[in-house]
Amino acid sequence: MMEFCPKCGARMIIKRADEGVKLACLKCGYEELRRVKTLQAKYENQTKMGKETLVVIPKEDADLSTLPTTDVECPKCGYGKAYWWIMQTRSADEAPTQFFRCKNCGYVWREYA
């Protein structure tokens, strides 16, 4: 259970003390003694997510009508319209990647911002 400081509302941390344990606020310095010899803690196992995988949806299975379109020339067939979407494919501090899918031949290409 998380405890919050009664003075400033910040989250309190647990410190060991000779008399038991103390809840301490790092923001304002408030401390509260808890007279217990053992401390129970609940840990939740959190799994780190790996890199996202790119799922390719075949042209015949995709409902592309929900995607926006733009005037851009397809590098494969030269058609002038394509669906587009943006995904974060690199680290969060880098610009997202813009993908295009030709409305004529279904070719997919990307542009890095």
PDB file of N, CA and C in Angstrom:
ATOM      1  N   MET A   1       0.846  -1.172   0.000  1.00  0.00           N
ATOM      2  CA  MET A   1       0.000   0.000   0.000  1.00  0.00           C
ATOM      3  C   MET A   1       0.896   1.242   0.000  1.00  0.00           C
ATOM      4  N   MET A   2       0.571   2.183  -0.799  1.00  0.00           N
ATOM      5  CA  MET A   2       1.340   3.414  -0.885  1.00  0.00           C
ATOM      6  C   MET A   2       0.838   4.399   0.166  1.00  0.00           C
ATOM      7  N   GLU A   3       1.763   5.055   0.821  1.00  0.00           N
ATOM      8  CA  GLU A   3       1.411   6.047   1.833  1.00  0.00           C
ATOM      9  C   GLU A   3       1.801   7.430   1.317  1.00  0.00           C
ATOM     10  N   PHE A   4       0.999   8.419   1.644  1.00  0.00           N
ATOM     11  CA  PHE A   4       1.253   9.779   1.213  1.00  0.00           C
ATOM     12  C   PHE A   4       1.436  10.695   2.413  1.00  0.00           C
ATOM     13  N   CYS A   5       2.280  11.668   2.264  1.00  0.00           N
ATOM     14  CA  CYS A   5       2.613  12.602   3.335  1.00  0.00           C
ATOM     15  C   CYS A   5       1.386  13.425   3.723  1.00  0.00           C
ATOM     16  N   PRO A   6       1.063  13.480   5.036  1.00  0.00           N
ATOM     17  CA  PRO A   6      -0.081  14.280   5.471  1.00  0.00           C
ATOM     18  C   PRO A   6       0.170  15.786   5.355  1.00  0.00           C
ATOM     19  N   LYS A   7       1.434  16.204   5.253  1.00  0.00           N
ATOM     20  CA  LYS A   7       1.751  17.637   5.154  1.00  0.00           C
ATOM     21  C   LYS A   7       1.697  18.147   3.719  1.00  0.00           C
ATOM     22  N   CYS A   8       2.388  17.435   2.804  1.00  0.00           N
ATOM     23  CA  CYS A   8       2.500  17.968   1.432  1.00  0.00           C
ATOM     24  C   CYS A   8       1.865  17.075   0.371  1.00  0.00           C
ATOM     25  N   GLY A   9       1.494  15.845   0.737  1.00  0.00           N
ATOM     26  CA  GLY A   9       0.820  14.967  -0.210  1.00  0.00           C
ATOM     27  C   GLY A   9       1.740  14.141  -1.093  1.00  0.00           C
ATOM     28  N   ALA A  10       3.061  14.270  -0.920  1.00  0.00           N
ATOM     29  CA  ALA A  10       4.006  13.496  -1.725  1.00  0.00           C
ATOM     30  C   ALA A  10       4.023  12.039  -1.261  1.00  0.00           C
ATOM     31  N   ARG A  11       4.481  11.163  -2.120  1.00  0.00           N
ATOM     32  CA  ARG A  11       4.577   9.749  -1.769  1.00  0.00           C
ATOM     33  C   ARG A  11       5.713   9.555  -0.765  1.00  0.00           C
ATOM     34  N   MET A  12       5.461   8.752   0.256  1.00  0.00           N
ATOM     35  CA  MET A  12       6.452   8.528   1.303  1.00  0.00           C
ATOM     36  C   MET A  12       7.222   7.244   1.018  1.00  0.00           C
ATOM     37  N   ILE A  13       8.477   7.209   1.478  1.00  0.00           N
ATOM     38  CA  ILE A  13       9.302   6.024   1.323  1.00  0.00           C
ATOM     39  C   ILE A  13       9.510   5.372   2.684  1.00  0.00           C
ATOM     40  N   ILE A  14       9.962   4.116   2.675  1.00  0.00           N
ATOM     41  CA  ILE A  14      10.190   3.376   3.911  1.00  0.00           C
ATOM     42  C   ILE A  14      11.665   3.442   4.276  1.00  0.00           C
ATOM     43  N   LYS A  15      11.930   3.742   5.542  1.00  0.00           N
ATOM     44  CA  LYS A  15      13.296   3.754   6.077  1.00  0.00           C
ATOM     45  C   LYS A  15      13.335   2.847   7.296  1.00  0.00           C
ATOM     46  N   ARG A  16      14.437   2.138   7.465  1.00  0.00           N
ATOM     47  CA  ARG A  16      14.607   1.308   8.661  1.00  0.00           C
ATOM     48  C   ARG A  16      15.002   2.196   9.844  1.00  0.00           C
ATOM     49  N   ALA A  17      14.521   1.827  11.005  1.00  0.00           N
ATOM     50  CA  ALA A  17      14.875   2.531  12.238  1.00  0.00           C
ATOM     51  C   ALA A  17      15.032   1.485  13.344  1.00  0.00           C
ATOM     52  N   ASP A  18      15.730   1.844  14.421  1.00  0.00           N
ATOM     53  CA  ASP A  18      15.932   0.911  15.532  1.00  0.00           C
ATOM     54  C   ASP A  18      14.606   0.494  16.161  1.00  0.00           C
ATOM     55  N   GLU A  19      13.658   1.413  16.198  1.00  0.00           N
ATOM     56  CA  GLU A  19      12.367   1.156  16.834  1.00  0.00           C
ATOM     57  C   GLU A  19      11.385   0.423  15.919  1.00  0.00           C
ATOM     58  N   GLY A  20      11.691   0.272  14.670  1.00  0.00           N
ATOM     59  CA  GLY A  20      10.787  -0.334  13.699  1.00  0.00           C
ATOM     60  C   GLY A  20      11.103   0.203  12.310  1.00  0.00           C
ATOM     61  N   VAL A  21      10.139   0.823  11.699  1.00  0.00           N
ATOM     62  CA  VAL A  21      10.364   1.463  10.408  1.00  0.00           C
ATOM     63  C   VAL A  21       9.778   2.867  10.435  1.00  0.00           C
ATOM     64  N   LYS A  22      10.308   3.707   9.590  1.00  0.00           N
ATOM     65  CA  LYS A  22       9.795   5.056   9.444  1.00  0.00           C
ATOM     66  C   LYS A  22       9.297   5.242   8.029  1.00  0.00           C
ATOM     67  N   LEU A  23       8.214   5.971   7.920  1.00  0.00           N
ATOM     68  CA  LEU A  23       7.776   6.461   6.623  1.00  0.00           C
ATOM     69  C   LEU A  23       8.306   7.872   6.526  1.00  0.00           C
ATOM     70  N   ALA A  24       9.014   8.165   5.455  1.00  0.00           N
ATOM     71  CA  ALA A  24       9.651   9.471   5.327  1.00  0.00           C
ATOM     72  C   ALA A  24       9.245  10.124   4.012  1.00  0.00           C
ATOM     73  N   CYS A  25       9.072  11.433   4.083  1.00  0.00           N
ATOM     74  CA  CYS A  25       8.760  12.225   2.898  1.00  0.00           C
ATOM     75  C   CYS A  25      10.050  12.894   2.427  1.00  0.00           C
ATOM     76  N   LEU A  26      10.438  12.619   1.203  1.00  0.00           N
ATOM     77  CA  LEU A  26      11.655  13.220   0.662  1.00  0.00           C
ATOM     78  C   LEU A  26      11.448  14.691   0.272  1.00  0.00           C
ATOM     79  N   LYS A  27      10.204  15.078   0.105  1.00  0.00           N
ATOM     80  CA  LYS A  27       9.920  16.444  -0.328  1.00  0.00           C
ATOM     81  C   LYS A  27       9.983  17.445   0.824  1.00  0.00           C
ATOM     82  N   CYS A  28       9.288  17.147   1.923  1.00  0.00           N
ATOM     83  CA  CYS A  28       9.237  18.122   3.018  1.00  0.00           C
ATOM     84  C   CYS A  28       9.972  17.664   4.279  1.00  0.00           C
ATOM     85  N   GLY A  29      10.404  16.395   4.322  1.00  0.00           N
ATOM     86  CA  GLY A  29      11.156  15.911   5.478  1.00  0.00           C
ATOM     87  C   GLY A  29      10.321  15.298   6.586  1.00  0.00           C
ATOM     88  N   TYR A  30       9.015  15.268   6.455  1.00  0.00           N
ATOM     89  CA  TYR A  30       8.145  14.681   7.474  1.00  0.00           C
ATOM     90  C   TYR A  30       8.482  13.200   7.646  1.00  0.00           C
ATOM     91  N   GLU A  31       8.506  12.731   8.910  1.00  0.00           N
ATOM     92  CA  GLU A  31       8.741  11.322   9.202  1.00  0.00           C
ATOM     93  C   GLU A  31       7.702  10.821  10.189  1.00  0.00           C
ATOM     94  N   GLU A  32       7.330   9.564  10.034  1.00  0.00           N
ATOM     95  CA  GLU A  32       6.336   8.946  10.892  1.00  0.00           C
ATOM     96  C   GLU A  32       6.838   7.561  11.272  1.00  0.00           C
ATOM     97  N   LEU A  33       6.920   7.281  12.556  1.00  0.00           N
ATOM     98  CA  LEU A  33       7.430   6.000  13.040  1.00  0.00           C
ATOM     99  C   LEU A  33       6.313   4.972  13.033  1.00  0.00           C
ATOM    100  N   ARG A  34       6.633   3.799  12.519  1.00  0.00           N
ATOM    101  CA  ARG A  34       5.711   2.661  12.570  1.00  0.00           C
ATOM    102  C   ARG A  34       6.381   1.595  13.411  1.00  0.00           C
ATOM    103  N   ARG A  35       5.773   1.192  14.501  1.00  0.00           N
ATOM    104  CA  ARG A  35       6.394   0.252  15.430  1.00  0.00           C
ATOM    105  C   ARG A  35       6.099  -1.186  15.008  1.00  0.00           C
ATOM    106  N   VAL A  36       6.801  -1.611  13.984  1.00  0.00           N
ATOM    107  CA  VAL A  36       6.717  -2.999  13.537  1.00  0.00           C
ATOM    108  C   VAL A  36       8.131  -3.526  13.375  1.00  0.00           C
ATOM    109  N   LYS A  37       8.322  -4.801  13.623  1.00  0.00           N
ATOM    110  CA  LYS A  37       9.647  -5.400  13.476  1.00  0.00           C
ATOM    111  C   LYS A  37       9.806  -6.037  12.095  1.00  0.00           C
ATOM    112  N   THR A  38       8.695  -6.414  11.505  1.00  0.00           N
ATOM    113  CA  THR A  38       8.767  -6.977  10.162  1.00  0.00           C
ATOM    114  C   THR A  38       7.957  -6.106   9.229  1.00  0.00           C
ATOM    115  N   LEU A  39       8.347  -6.122   8.035  1.00  0.00           N
ATOM    116  CA  LEU A  39       7.685  -5.303   7.029  1.00  0.00           C
ATOM    117  C   LEU A  39       7.269  -6.198   5.881  1.00  0.00           C
ATOM    118  N   GLN A  40       6.023  -6.143   5.548  1.00  0.00           N
ATOM    119  CA  GLN A  40       5.539  -6.929   4.420  1.00  0.00           C
ATOM    120  C   GLN A  40       5.512  -6.027   3.196  1.00  0.00           C
ATOM    121  N   ALA A  41       5.962  -6.587   2.112  1.00  0.00           N
ATOM    122  CA  ALA A  41       5.966  -5.824   0.865  1.00  0.00           C
ATOM    123  C   ALA A  41       5.324  -6.660  -0.223  1.00  0.00           C
ATOM    124  N   LYS A  42       4.643  -6.007  -1.091  1.00  0.00           N
ATOM    125  CA  LYS A  42       4.020  -6.669  -2.221  1.00  0.00           C
ATOM    126  C   LYS A  42       4.751  -6.210  -3.470  1.00  0.00           C
ATOM    127  N   TYR A  43       5.237  -7.162  -4.226  1.00  0.00           N
ATOM    128  CA  TYR A  43       5.937  -6.845  -5.463  1.00  0.00           C
ATOM    129  C   TYR A  43       5.106  -7.318  -6.636  1.00  0.00           C
ATOM    130  N   GLU A  44       5.034  -6.507  -7.632  1.00  0.00           N
ATOM    131  CA  GLU A  44       4.364  -6.893  -8.862  1.00  0.00           C
ATOM    132  C   GLU A  44       5.414  -7.119  -9.914  1.00  0.00           C
ATOM    133  N   ASN A  45       5.306  -8.216 -10.593  1.00  0.00           N
ATOM    134  CA  ASN A  45       6.251  -8.538 -11.657  1.00  0.00           C
ATOM    135  C   ASN A  45       5.837  -7.789 -12.918  1.00  0.00           C
ATOM    136  N   GLN A  46       6.712  -6.924 -13.377  1.00  0.00           N
ATOM    137  CA  GLN A  46       6.432  -6.181 -14.594  1.00  0.00           C
ATOM    138  C   GLN A  46       7.365  -6.668 -15.680  1.00  0.00           C
ATOM    139  N   THR A  47       6.803  -6.986 -16.805  1.00  0.00           N
ATOM    140  CA  THR A  47       7.588  -7.462 -17.927  1.00  0.00           C
ATOM    141  C   THR A  47       7.878  -6.297 -18.848  1.00  0.00           C
ATOM    142  N   LYS A  48       9.140  -6.141 -19.198  1.00  0.00           N
ATOM    143  CA  LYS A  48       9.489  -5.096 -20.149  1.00  0.00           C
ATOM    144  C   LYS A  48       9.058  -5.534 -21.532  1.00  0.00           C
ATOM    145  N   MET A  49       8.463  -4.609 -22.231  1.00  0.00           N
ATOM    146  CA  MET A  49       8.037  -4.903 -23.586  1.00  0.00           C
ATOM    147  C   MET A  49       9.235  -4.781 -24.514  1.00  0.00           C
ATOM    148  N   GLY A  50       9.375  -5.741 -25.385  1.00  0.00           N
ATOM    149  CA  GLY A  50      10.439  -5.693 -26.373  1.00  0.00           C
ATOM    150  C   GLY A  50      10.071  -4.730 -27.485  1.00  0.00           C
ATOM    151  N   LYS A  51      10.884  -4.701 -28.495  1.00  0.00           N
ATOM    152  CA  LYS A  51      10.586  -3.838 -29.622  1.00  0.00           C
ATOM    153  C   LYS A  51       9.303  -4.306 -30.286  1.00  0.00           C
ATOM    154  N   GLU A  52       8.548  -3.362 -30.755  1.00  0.00           N
ATOM    155  CA  GLU A  52       7.313  -3.701 -31.433  1.00  0.00           C
ATOM    156  C   GLU A  52       7.626  -4.406 -32.739  1.00  0.00           C
ATOM    157  N   THR A  53       6.750  -5.320 -33.089  1.00  0.00           N
ATOM    158  CA  THR A  53       6.914  -5.987 -34.370  1.00  0.00           C
ATOM    159  C   THR A  53       5.979  -5.344 -35.371  1.00  0.00           C
ATOM    160  N   LEU A  54       6.411  -5.282 -36.574  1.00  0.00           N
ATOM    161  CA  LEU A  54       5.618  -4.699 -37.647  1.00  0.00           C
ATOM    162  C   LEU A  54       4.814  -5.813 -38.274  1.00  0.00           C
ATOM    163  N   VAL A  55       3.505  -5.678 -38.268  1.00  0.00           N
ATOM    164  CA  VAL A  55       2.630  -6.684 -38.832  1.00  0.00           C
ATOM    165  C   VAL A  55       2.222  -6.235 -40.221  1.00  0.00           C
ATOM    166  N   VAL A  56       2.458  -7.092 -41.198  1.00  0.00           N
ATOM    167  CA  VAL A  56       2.093  -6.783 -42.570  1.00  0.00           C
ATOM    168  C   VAL A  56       0.717  -7.369 -42.832  1.00  0.00           C
ATOM    169  N   ILE A  57      -0.193  -6.508 -43.263  1.00  0.00           N
ATOM    170  CA  ILE A  57      -1.555  -6.935 -43.558  1.00  0.00           C
ATOM    171  C   ILE A  57      -1.696  -7.021 -45.074  1.00  0.00           C
ATOM    172  N   PRO A  58      -2.035  -8.188 -45.604  1.00  0.00           N
ATOM    173  CA  PRO A  58      -2.185  -8.318 -47.045  1.00  0.00           C
ATOM    174  C   PRO A  58      -3.242  -7.350 -47.585  1.00  0.00           C
ATOM    175  N   LYS A  59      -3.046  -6.918 -48.823  1.00  0.00           N
ATOM    176  CA  LYS A  59      -3.927  -5.923 -49.445  1.00  0.00           C
ATOM    177  C   LYS A  59      -5.384  -6.368 -49.406  1.00  0.00           C
ATOM    178  N   GLU A  60      -5.622  -7.664 -49.644  1.00  0.00           N
ATOM    179  CA  GLU A  60      -7.000  -8.152 -49.695  1.00  0.00           C
ATOM    180  C   GLU A  60      -7.645  -8.234 -48.313  1.00  0.00           C
ATOM    181  N   ASP A  61      -6.856  -8.263 -47.227  1.00  0.00           N
ATOM    182  CA  ASP A  61      -7.397  -8.357 -45.873  1.00  0.00           C
ATOM    183  C   ASP A  61      -7.557  -6.997 -45.197  1.00  0.00           C
ATOM    184  N   ALA A  62      -6.951  -5.990 -45.725  1.00  0.00           N
ATOM    185  CA  ALA A  62      -6.917  -4.687 -45.067  1.00  0.00           C
ATOM    186  C   ALA A  62      -8.141  -3.855 -45.419  1.00  0.00           C
ATOM    187  N   ASP A  63      -8.686  -3.199 -44.410  1.00  0.00           N
ATOM    188  CA  ASP A  63      -9.752  -2.224 -44.638  1.00  0.00           C
ATOM    189  C   ASP A  63      -9.076  -0.859 -44.655  1.00  0.00           C
ATOM    190  N   LEU A  64      -8.591  -0.478 -45.803  1.00  0.00           N
ATOM    191  CA  LEU A  64      -7.827   0.754 -45.924  1.00  0.00           C
ATOM    192  C   LEU A  64      -8.696   1.999 -46.017  1.00  0.00           C
ATOM    193  N   SER A  65     -10.001   1.809 -46.120  1.00  0.00           N
ATOM    194  CA  SER A  65     -10.886   2.960 -46.291  1.00  0.00           C
ATOM    195  C   SER A  65     -10.864   3.896 -45.094  1.00  0.00           C
ATOM    196  N   THR A  66     -10.392   3.428 -43.948  1.00  0.00           N
ATOM    197  CA  THR A  66     -10.341   4.285 -42.759  1.00  0.00           C
ATOM    198  C   THR A  66      -9.080   5.148 -42.719  1.00  0.00           C
ATOM    199  N   LEU A  67      -8.096   4.831 -43.561  1.00  0.00           N
ATOM    200  CA  LEU A  67      -6.846   5.595 -43.565  1.00  0.00           C
ATOM    201  C   LEU A  67      -6.972   6.850 -44.419  1.00  0.00           C
ATOM    202  N   PRO A  68      -6.261   7.910 -44.050  1.00  0.00           N
ATOM    203  CA  PRO A  68      -6.265   9.114 -44.874  1.00  0.00           C
ATOM    204  C   PRO A  68      -5.453   8.879 -46.155  1.00  0.00           C
ATOM    205  N   THR A  69      -5.736   9.673 -47.172  1.00  0.00           N
ATOM    206  CA  THR A  69      -4.992   9.582 -48.431  1.00  0.00           C
ATOM    207  C   THR A  69      -4.278  10.901 -48.696  1.00  0.00           C
ATOM    208  N   THR A  70      -3.255  10.817 -49.534  1.00  0.00           N
ATOM    209  CA  THR A  70      -2.498  12.006 -49.886  1.00  0.00           C
ATOM    210  C   THR A  70      -2.035  11.897 -51.335  1.00  0.00           C
ATOM    211  N   ASP A  71      -1.680  13.034 -51.913  1.00  0.00           N
ATOM    212  CA  ASP A  71      -1.129  13.072 -53.259  1.00  0.00           C
ATOM    213  C   ASP A  71       0.375  12.880 -53.175  1.00  0.00           C
ATOM    214  N   VAL A  72       0.816  11.683 -53.519  1.00  0.00           N
ATOM    215  CA  VAL A  72       2.239  11.361 -53.524  1.00  0.00           C
ATOM    216  C   VAL A  72       2.459  10.315 -54.622  1.00  0.00           C
ATOM    217  N   GLU A  73       3.589  10.394 -55.300  1.00  0.00           N
ATOM    218  CA  GLU A  73       3.857   9.467 -56.392  1.00  0.00           C
ATOM    219  C   GLU A  73       4.445   8.164 -55.875  1.00  0.00           C
ATOM    220  N   CYS A  74       3.852   7.057 -56.294  1.00  0.00           N
ATOM    221  CA  CYS A  74       4.342   5.732 -55.923  1.00  0.00           C
ATOM    222  C   CYS A  74       5.670   5.477 -56.635  1.00  0.00           C
ATOM    223  N   PRO A  75       6.715   5.089 -55.900  1.00  0.00           N
ATOM    224  CA  PRO A  75       8.004   4.828 -56.540  1.00  0.00           C
ATOM    225  C   PRO A  75       8.008   3.574 -57.412  1.00  0.00           C
ATOM    226  N   LYS A  76       6.995   2.727 -57.265  1.00  0.00           N
ATOM    227  CA  LYS A  76       6.950   1.485 -58.055  1.00  0.00           C
ATOM    228  C   LYS A  76       6.163   1.643 -59.347  1.00  0.00           C
ATOM    229  N   CYS A  77       4.939   2.203 -59.254  1.00  0.00           N
ATOM    230  CA  CYS A  77       4.095   2.272 -60.460  1.00  0.00           C
ATOM    231  C   CYS A  77       3.834   3.699 -60.947  1.00  0.00           C
ATOM    232  N   GLY A  78       4.196   4.696 -60.153  1.00  0.00           N
ATOM    233  CA  GLY A  78       4.021   6.087 -60.560  1.00  0.00           C
ATOM    234  C   GLY A  78       2.636   6.659 -60.299  1.00  0.00           C
ATOM    235  N   TYR A  79       1.736   5.881 -59.704  1.00  0.00           N
ATOM    236  CA  TYR A  79       0.388   6.381 -59.398  1.00  0.00           C
ATOM    237  C   TYR A  79       0.492   7.525 -58.390  1.00  0.00           C
ATOM    238  N   GLY A  80      -0.424   8.467 -58.437  1.00  0.00           N
ATOM    239  CA  GLY A  80      -0.299   9.692 -57.659  1.00  0.00           C
ATOM    240  C   GLY A  80      -1.058   9.777 -56.349  1.00  0.00           C
ATOM    241  N   LYS A  81      -1.656   8.688 -55.868  1.00  0.00           N
ATOM    242  CA  LYS A  81      -2.385   8.734 -54.591  1.00  0.00           C
ATOM    243  C   LYS A  81      -2.001   7.526 -53.738  1.00  0.00           C
ATOM    244  N   ALA A  82      -1.916   7.766 -52.420  1.00  0.00           N
ATOM    245  CA  ALA A  82      -1.557   6.680 -51.502  1.00  0.00           C
ATOM    246  C   ALA A  82      -2.212   6.905 -50.151  1.00  0.00           C
ATOM    247  N   TYR A  83      -2.472   5.794 -49.453  1.00  0.00           N
ATOM    248  CA  TYR A  83      -2.881   5.861 -48.058  1.00  0.00           C
ATOM    249  C   TYR A  83      -1.623   6.173 -47.253  1.00  0.00           C
ATOM    250  N   TRP A  84      -1.785   6.774 -46.060  1.00  0.00           N
ATOM    251  CA  TRP A  84      -0.617   7.049 -45.226  1.00  0.00           C
ATOM    252  C   TRP A  84      -0.954   6.892 -43.757  1.00  0.00           C
ATOM    253  N   TRP A  85       0.085   6.579 -42.966  1.00  0.00           N
ATOM    254  CA  TRP A  85      -0.028   6.496 -41.510  1.00  0.00           C
ATOM    255  C   TRP A  85       1.342   6.734 -40.911  1.00  0.00           C
ATOM    256  N   ILE A  86       1.364   7.024 -39.617  1.00  0.00           N
ATOM    257  CA  ILE A  86       2.609   7.329 -38.913  1.00  0.00           C
ATOM    258  C   ILE A  86       2.785   6.335 -37.767  1.00  0.00           C
ATOM    259  N   MET A  87       4.036   5.850 -37.625  1.00  0.00           N
ATOM    260  CA  MET A  87       4.371   4.943 -36.517  1.00  0.00           C
ATOM    261  C   MET A  87       5.700   5.358 -35.906  1.00  0.00           C
ATOM    262  N   GLN A  88       5.841   5.115 -34.607  1.00  0.00           N
ATOM    263  CA  GLN A  88       7.114   5.354 -33.925  1.00  0.00           C
ATOM    264  C   GLN A  88       7.932   4.081 -34.072  1.00  0.00           C
ATOM    265  N   THR A  89       8.869   4.049 -35.022  1.00  0.00           N
ATOM    266  CA  THR A  89       9.639   2.830 -35.285  1.00  0.00           C
ATOM    267  C   THR A  89      11.026   2.862 -34.663  1.00  0.00           C
ATOM    268  N   ARG A  90      11.462   4.046 -34.250  1.00  0.00           N
ATOM    269  CA  ARG A  90      12.782   4.186 -33.634  1.00  0.00           C
ATOM    270  C   ARG A  90      12.574   4.640 -32.192  1.00  0.00           C
ATOM    271  N   SER A  91      13.632   5.042 -31.530  1.00  0.00           N
ATOM    272  CA  SER A  91      13.498   5.449 -30.134  1.00  0.00           C
ATOM    273  C   SER A  91      12.602   6.680 -30.015  1.00  0.00           C
ATOM    274  N   ALA A  92      12.063   6.880 -28.830  1.00  0.00           N
ATOM    275  CA  ALA A  92      11.067   7.925 -28.613  1.00  0.00           C
ATOM    276  C   ALA A  92      11.608   9.332 -28.829  1.00  0.00           C
ATOM    277  N   ASP A  93      12.923   9.506 -28.737  1.00  0.00           N
ATOM    278  CA  ASP A  93      13.467  10.848 -28.920  1.00  0.00           C
ATOM    279  C   ASP A  93      13.736  11.170 -30.392  1.00  0.00           C
ATOM    280  N   GLU A  94      13.391  10.261 -31.284  1.00  0.00           N
ATOM    281  CA  GLU A  94      13.547  10.509 -32.716  1.00  0.00           C
ATOM    282  C   GLU A  94      12.178  10.666 -33.351  1.00  0.00           C
ATOM    283  N   ALA A  95      12.155  11.282 -34.511  1.00  0.00           N
ATOM    284  CA  ALA A  95      10.894  11.553 -35.206  1.00  0.00           C
ATOM    285  C   ALA A  95      10.233  10.244 -35.646  1.00  0.00           C
ATOM    286  N   PRO A  96       8.909  10.232 -35.712  1.00  0.00           N
ATOM    287  CA  PRO A  96       8.215   9.031 -36.179  1.00  0.00           C
ATOM    288  C   PRO A  96       8.435   8.819 -37.683  1.00  0.00           C
ATOM    289  N   THR A  97       8.082   7.625 -38.143  1.00  0.00           N
ATOM    290  CA  THR A  97       8.229   7.251 -39.550  1.00  0.00           C
ATOM    291  C   THR A  97       6.868   7.327 -40.218  1.00  0.00           C
ATOM    292  N   GLN A  98       6.825   7.911 -41.413  1.00  0.00           N
ATOM    293  CA  GLN A  98       5.582   7.997 -42.169  1.00  0.00           C
ATOM    294  C   GLN A  98       5.589   6.903 -43.229  1.00  0.00           C
ATOM    295  N   PHE A  99       4.517   6.109 -43.260  1.00  0.00           N
ATOM    296  CA  PHE A  99       4.365   5.033 -44.228  1.00  0.00           C
ATOM    297  C   PHE A  99       3.330   5.430 -45.264  1.00  0.00           C
ATOM    298  N   PHE A 100       3.520   4.926 -46.480  1.00  0.00           N
ATOM    299  CA  PHE A 100       2.579   5.134 -47.579  1.00  0.00           C
ATOM    300  C   PHE A 100       2.251   3.785 -48.194  1.00  0.00           C
ATOM    301  N   ARG A 101       1.014   3.638 -48.676  1.00  0.00           N
ATOM    302  CA  ARG A 101       0.607   2.440 -49.417  1.00  0.00           C
ATOM    303  C   ARG A 101      -0.140   2.899 -50.652  1.00  0.00           C
ATOM    304  N   CYS A 102       0.404   2.559 -51.797  1.00  0.00           N
ATOM    305  CA  CYS A 102      -0.158   2.988 -53.078  1.00  0.00           C
ATOM    306  C   CYS A 102      -1.584   2.478 -53.235  1.00  0.00           C
ATOM    307  N   LYS A 103      -2.487   3.359 -53.661  1.00  0.00           N
ATOM    308  CA  LYS A 103      -3.876   2.968 -53.868  1.00  0.00           C
ATOM    309  C   LYS A 103      -4.041   2.109 -55.110  1.00  0.00           C
ATOM    310  N   ASN A 104      -3.053   2.134 -55.989  1.00  0.00           N
ATOM    311  CA  ASN A 104      -3.144   1.380 -57.238  1.00  0.00           C
ATOM    312  C   ASN A 104      -2.534  -0.016 -57.114  1.00  0.00           C
ATOM    313  N   CYS A 105      -1.257  -0.102 -56.735  1.00  0.00           N
ATOM    314  CA  CYS A 105      -0.563  -1.396 -56.737  1.00  0.00           C
ATOM    315  C   CYS A 105      -0.351  -1.991 -55.347  1.00  0.00           C
ATOM    316  N   GLY A 106      -0.580  -1.211 -54.281  1.00  0.00           N
ATOM    317  CA  GLY A 106      -0.435  -1.719 -52.923  1.00  0.00           C
ATOM    318  C   GLY A 106       0.988  -1.684 -52.384  1.00  0.00           C
ATOM    319  N   TYR A 107       1.920  -1.120 -53.144  1.00  0.00           N
ATOM    320  CA  TYR A 107       3.315  -1.044 -52.693  1.00  0.00           C
ATOM    321  C   TYR A 107       3.407  -0.151 -51.450  1.00  0.00           C
ATOM    322  N   VAL A 108       4.191  -0.593 -50.465  1.00  0.00           N
ATOM    323  CA  VAL A 108       4.357   0.162 -49.218  1.00  0.00           C
ATOM    324  C   VAL A 108       5.784   0.681 -49.138  1.00  0.00           C
ATOM    325  N   TRP A 109       5.927   1.974 -48.830  1.00  0.00           N
ATOM    326  CA  TRP A 109       7.245   2.557 -48.609  1.00  0.00           C
ATOM    327  C   TRP A 109       7.167   3.514 -47.440  1.00  0.00           C
ATOM    328  N   ARG A 110       8.325   3.943 -46.974  1.00  0.00           N
ATOM    329  CA  ARG A 110       8.370   4.809 -45.795  1.00  0.00           C
ATOM    330  C   ARG A 110       9.245   6.017 -46.046  1.00  0.00           C
ATOM    331  N   GLU A 111       8.987   7.040 -45.255  1.00  0.00           N
ATOM    332  CA  GLU A 111       9.811   8.242 -45.262  1.00  0.00           C
ATOM    333  C   GLU A 111      10.122   8.584 -43.813  1.00  0.00           C
ATOM    334  N   TYR A 112      11.385   8.843 -43.542  1.00  0.00           N
ATOM    335  CA  TYR A 112      11.798   9.252 -42.204  1.00  0.00           C
ATOM    336  C   TYR A 112      11.754  10.768 -42.127  1.00  0.00           C
ATOM    337  N   ALA A 113      11.205  11.274 -41.045  1.00  0.00           N
ATOM    338  CA  ALA A 113      11.101  12.730 -40.884  1.00  0.00           C
ATOM    339  C   ALA A 113      12.414  13.327 -40.437  1.00  0.00           C
TER     340      ALA A 113
END
